[in-house]
Each structure stands twice: as C-alpha cells, then as structure tokens.
Amino acid sequence: MAEVDRRRDEMRDDPDRPTSTRGTTHVSVADDEGNVASMTTSNGECSGDVVPGTGVMLNNMLGEDDLHPEGFHAGLPGTRVASMMAPTAVLDDRGRVVLVLGSGGSKRIRSAIVQVLVAHLVHDRGLAGAVRAPRIHWDTDHLEVEPGLTAEVLAALADVAPVNVWPAPSLNFGGVHAVVPGSEGVGDARRGGAVRVVGRG
C-alpha cells in the first residue's frame, strides 16, 4: 500500500501523466435483433499500474472491505479478487432477455440493482420510476436513505436501525442504467446517465 501511495504521489507531480476520472460506470445496450450487452467498468481505486502498451490503468479492489472482511492480505496468492460489479440480464421463462441493467457505486451496487429489480419486476413500476425511486442502503450498522420516503416508512426503518436521511438524491446510491429491449431505456441522473436510441442507416 505504501508503494501504491508513493507511485500515486509521483504521478500527481508529473505534468505529462495521463489523466482520468475516478469511478465506476455501467452501459446497457439492446438492439433490434434481440442482442443485449451489460457492462460495468471501473478505474475507481487506481492500483497505480498501467498495462504496458495499452494506457489502461488497473483498478484496485483490495480496498473493498466488504470483499475482504479478514483484510486484503488474507487471500491466497493467485486467487482472483472478487468485485462488487454486477452487470445483469433478466430472462423470462422462455429465455428471452426482458431487462438489462447495472450500476456503479462500490458497495451500493448490489442494493441499487436489487431495488430497481424489485420495483420494476415485483411491484410493476415503470422502468424510469424504478430507477428514480428513493434508495436505501445498509452501511455497517445503520441505514443510509435518500429523501422521498413517507414518514411512516422512515419510522418503520428506524425500528430496524438508525437512519440517516440524505438531503437530496446522490451518486452515493449508485447509478442504474437500464434497458427493456425494444421498449425503454433509462439513464440514472445520480451518475449523469443518458439514453441514446440509434436507428439504422
């Protein structure tokens, strides 16, 4: 870790260093032939290493305490490090993709995706409404909550654990970008999401 910090400091002081924006993002794609793609990518916690000849900076997942509860030295050498990233495709009972989605947001990726899935697939909320709905995230010993929930819901949550209500929706709660093939796409405003429909020729 000390070596990573040293190299980061060297890179910061180098005027010719490549620049990047930290973070994780997600892209969901569907075409008119039924093909879909769901891709999450990150340079959120740069390891300080660049793959030779590519300019690609490697991520550093060792800081994810959820993934390394015993500490990052507990993993066996050669073991692939797990990731929070969860690009997702939902299939119906005939094997057709009915939804593709994913999110950035480190530990909040899981809670963001699950809440959108439940809102859209279980509670029949439109995709845009499911993505924009207030989110909740369990954080160690308390609940982080976006504004917009009723007083009754907040009181019920407070019976479970301490609640911290945020003043506004935040990128902290992820950024779910989702597509219902042939129907609708939604980019999460929390992380600057956008939708683009591209026609043929």
Protein backbone atom coordinates (compact mmCIF):
# COMPACT_ATOMS: atom_id res chain seq x y z
CA MET A 1 0.00 0.00 0.00
CA ALA A 2 2.88 2.34 0.74
CA GLU A 3 4.27 1.67 -2.76
CA VAL A 4 0.88 2.48 -4.32
CA ASP A 5 0.72 5.76 -2.39
CA ARG A 6 4.28 6.63 -3.42
CA ARG A 7 3.53 5.99 -7.10
CA ARG A 8 0.29 7.98 -6.92
CA ASP A 9 2.22 10.94 -5.50
CA GLU A 10 4.81 10.64 -8.29
CA MET A 11 2.07 10.54 -10.93
CA ARG A 12 0.35 13.61 -9.43
CA ASP A 13 3.59 15.59 -9.70
CA ASP A 14 4.23 14.54 -13.33
CA PRO A 15 2.80 17.19 -15.73
CA ASP A 16 2.82 14.63 -18.59
CA ARG A 17 0.87 11.98 -16.68
CA PRO A 18 -2.32 10.58 -18.19
CA THR A 19 -5.41 11.98 -16.57
CA SER A 20 -8.54 10.10 -15.62
CA THR A 21 -11.74 10.48 -13.69
CA ARG A 22 -12.13 8.02 -10.85
CA GLY A 23 -15.24 5.96 -10.62
CA THR A 24 -17.31 3.09 -11.93
CA THR A 25 -19.81 3.31 -14.73
CA HIS A 26 -22.23 1.00 -16.48
CA VAL A 27 -23.55 0.66 -20.03
CA SER A 28 -26.66 -1.32 -21.00
CA VAL A 29 -27.34 -1.94 -24.70
CA ALA A 30 -30.06 -3.68 -26.71
CA ASP A 31 -30.50 -3.87 -30.48
CA ASP A 32 -33.50 -4.62 -32.68
CA GLU A 33 -32.31 -8.19 -33.28
CA GLY A 34 -32.57 -9.20 -29.64
CA ASN A 35 -28.89 -8.85 -28.77
CA VAL A 36 -28.05 -7.23 -25.43
CA ALA A 37 -24.96 -6.22 -23.52
CA SER A 38 -24.49 -5.21 -19.91
CA MET A 39 -21.02 -3.90 -18.99
CA THR A 40 -19.72 -2.35 -15.80
CA THR A 41 -16.20 -0.94 -15.75
CA SER A 42 -14.14 0.94 -13.21
CA ASN A 43 -10.97 2.85 -12.55
CA GLY A 44 -12.31 3.81 -9.16
CA GLU A 45 -9.37 2.96 -6.90
CA CYS A 46 -6.44 3.00 -9.26
CA SER A 47 -3.74 0.49 -8.35
CA GLY A 48 -1.05 2.70 -9.83
CA ASP A 49 -0.29 0.15 -12.58
CA VAL A 50 -0.81 0.73 -16.29
CA VAL A 51 -0.92 -2.29 -18.61
CA PRO A 52 2.13 -1.83 -20.88
CA GLY A 53 1.26 -0.64 -24.38
CA THR A 54 -2.43 -0.05 -23.60
CA GLY A 55 -2.73 3.04 -21.42
CA VAL A 56 -5.27 1.08 -19.35
CA MET A 57 -5.00 1.78 -15.65
CA LEU A 58 -5.79 -1.22 -13.44
CA ASN A 59 -8.36 -0.95 -10.70
CA ASN A 60 -7.57 -1.84 -7.10
CA MET A 61 -10.34 -3.84 -5.45
CA LEU A 62 -8.24 -4.55 -2.37
CA GLY A 63 -9.79 -1.60 -0.59
CA GLU A 64 -13.30 -3.12 -0.67
CA ASP A 65 -13.74 -4.17 2.94
CA ASP A 66 -16.99 -5.97 2.09
CA LEU A 67 -15.00 -8.26 -0.18
CA HIS A 68 -12.08 -8.63 2.21
CA PRO A 69 -13.54 -8.78 5.73
CA GLU A 70 -10.41 -10.58 7.01
CA GLY A 71 -8.14 -7.94 5.47
CA PHE A 72 -6.70 -7.81 1.97
CA HIS A 73 -3.68 -9.98 2.88
CA ALA A 74 -5.94 -12.92 3.81
CA GLY A 75 -6.44 -14.04 0.20
CA LEU A 76 -4.29 -16.86 -1.14
CA PRO A 77 -1.70 -15.92 -3.80
CA GLY A 78 -3.09 -16.37 -7.30
CA THR A 79 -6.70 -16.01 -6.17
CA ARG A 80 -8.78 -13.74 -8.39
CA VAL A 81 -10.15 -10.84 -6.37
CA ALA A 82 -13.94 -10.58 -6.25
CA SER A 83 -15.71 -7.44 -7.41
CA MET A 84 -18.89 -5.61 -6.49
CA MET A 85 -19.64 -5.04 -10.18
CA ALA A 86 -22.74 -6.92 -11.28
CA PRO A 87 -23.81 -6.37 -14.90
CA THR A 88 -27.21 -8.07 -15.03
CA ALA A 89 -29.56 -9.55 -17.61
CA VAL A 90 -33.05 -10.71 -16.60
CA LEU A 91 -34.62 -13.53 -18.64
CA ASP A 92 -38.25 -14.57 -18.83
CA ASP A 93 -39.40 -18.19 -18.58
CA ARG A 94 -38.71 -18.68 -22.31
CA GLY A 95 -35.13 -17.49 -22.03
CA ARG A 96 -35.71 -14.08 -23.63
CA VAL A 97 -33.96 -11.07 -22.12
CA VAL A 98 -36.56 -8.69 -20.69
CA LEU A 99 -34.21 -6.28 -18.91
CA VAL A 100 -30.50 -5.43 -18.81
CA LEU A 101 -29.06 -3.21 -16.13
CA GLY A 102 -26.12 -2.48 -13.89
CA SER A 103 -24.64 0.27 -11.76
CA GLY A 104 -21.56 1.95 -10.47
CA GLY A 105 -21.30 2.72 -6.79
CA SER A 106 -18.93 0.34 -5.00
CA LYS A 107 -20.75 -1.23 -2.05
CA ARG A 108 -24.02 0.34 -3.16
CA ILE A 109 -24.08 -1.52 -6.50
CA ARG A 110 -25.90 -4.51 -5.03
CA SER A 111 -28.54 -2.53 -3.18
CA ALA A 112 -29.15 -0.21 -6.15
CA ILE A 113 -29.66 -3.07 -8.62
CA VAL A 114 -31.86 -5.09 -6.27
CA GLN A 115 -34.11 -2.11 -5.51
CA VAL A 116 -34.64 -1.36 -9.21
CA LEU A 117 -35.34 -5.04 -9.95
CA VAL A 118 -37.89 -5.31 -7.15
CA ALA A 119 -39.61 -2.03 -8.04
CA HIS A 120 -39.85 -2.90 -11.74
CA LEU A 121 -40.41 -6.67 -11.76
CA VAL A 122 -42.26 -7.26 -8.49
CA HIS A 123 -44.16 -4.01 -7.99
CA ASP A 124 -44.77 -3.32 -11.73
CA ARG A 125 -43.29 0.16 -11.52
CA GLY A 126 -42.25 1.62 -14.86
CA LEU A 127 -38.52 1.43 -15.52
CA ALA A 128 -37.99 5.19 -15.21
CA GLY A 129 -39.88 5.27 -11.91
CA ALA A 130 -37.97 2.26 -10.61
CA VAL A 131 -34.61 3.87 -11.38
CA ARG A 132 -35.59 7.27 -9.96
CA ALA A 133 -37.23 5.95 -6.76
CA PRO A 134 -35.56 6.80 -3.43
CA ARG A 135 -32.96 4.23 -2.40
CA ILE A 136 -31.92 2.69 0.87
CA HIS A 137 -28.52 1.20 1.70
CA TRP A 138 -27.38 -0.72 4.78
CA ASP A 139 -23.99 0.64 5.84
CA THR A 140 -22.35 -1.41 8.61
CA ASP A 141 -24.71 -0.52 11.46
CA HIS A 142 -27.23 1.98 10.08
CA LEU A 143 -29.39 2.77 7.05
CA GLU A 144 -28.50 5.45 4.52
CA VAL A 145 -31.71 6.73 2.92
CA GLU A 146 -32.48 9.08 0.06
CA PRO A 147 -35.24 11.66 0.54
CA GLY A 148 -38.75 10.95 -0.67
CA LEU A 149 -39.93 8.17 1.61
CA THR A 150 -43.03 8.77 3.73
CA ALA A 151 -42.81 9.48 7.45
CA GLU A 152 -44.47 6.10 8.06
CA VAL A 153 -41.79 4.25 6.09
CA LEU A 154 -39.00 6.19 7.81
CA ALA A 155 -40.47 5.32 11.20
CA ALA A 156 -40.60 1.63 10.24
CA LEU A 157 -36.98 1.78 9.11
CA ALA A 158 -35.99 3.48 12.37
CA ASP A 159 -37.41 0.46 14.21
CA VAL A 160 -34.81 -1.66 12.42
CA ALA A 161 -31.72 0.54 12.76
CA PRO A 162 -30.56 4.16 12.97
CA VAL A 163 -31.50 6.09 9.82
CA ASN A 164 -29.51 8.81 8.08
CA VAL A 165 -31.70 10.66 5.56
CA TRP A 166 -29.78 12.48 2.84
CA PRO A 167 -30.86 15.98 1.77
CA ALA A 168 -31.02 15.02 -1.93
CA PRO A 169 -30.62 12.01 -4.23
CA SER A 170 -26.92 11.21 -4.58
CA LEU A 171 -24.45 9.29 -6.74
CA ASN A 172 -23.52 7.57 -3.47
CA PHE A 173 -26.60 5.38 -4.02
CA GLY A 174 -25.38 4.07 -7.38
CA GLY A 175 -26.34 4.87 -10.93
CA VAL A 176 -28.52 2.19 -12.50
CA HIS A 177 -28.53 2.38 -16.29
CA ALA A 178 -31.13 0.00 -17.71
CA VAL A 179 -32.83 -1.08 -20.94
CA VAL A 180 -36.01 -3.01 -21.61
CA PRO A 181 -35.22 -4.37 -25.11
CA GLY A 182 -37.44 -2.88 -27.77
CA SER A 183 -39.20 -0.61 -25.32
CA GLU A 184 -37.39 1.75 -22.98
CA GLY A 185 -34.01 2.86 -21.70
CA VAL A 186 -33.22 4.85 -18.57
CA GLY A 187 -30.00 6.56 -17.54
CA ASP A 188 -29.74 7.29 -13.83
CA ALA A 189 -29.37 11.03 -13.20
CA ARG A 190 -27.49 10.27 -9.98
CA ARG A 191 -24.45 9.43 -12.10
CA GLY A 192 -25.04 11.51 -15.20
CA GLY A 193 -26.83 8.71 -17.04
CA ALA A 194 -28.11 9.23 -20.55
CA VAL A 195 -30.10 7.29 -23.15
CA ARG A 196 -29.40 7.19 -26.84
CA VAL A 197 -31.54 5.49 -29.47
CA VAL A 198 -29.65 4.87 -32.70
CA GLY A 199 -31.55 3.95 -35.86
CA ARG A 200 -30.19 2.07 -38.83
CA GLY A 201 -28.84 3.92 -41.85
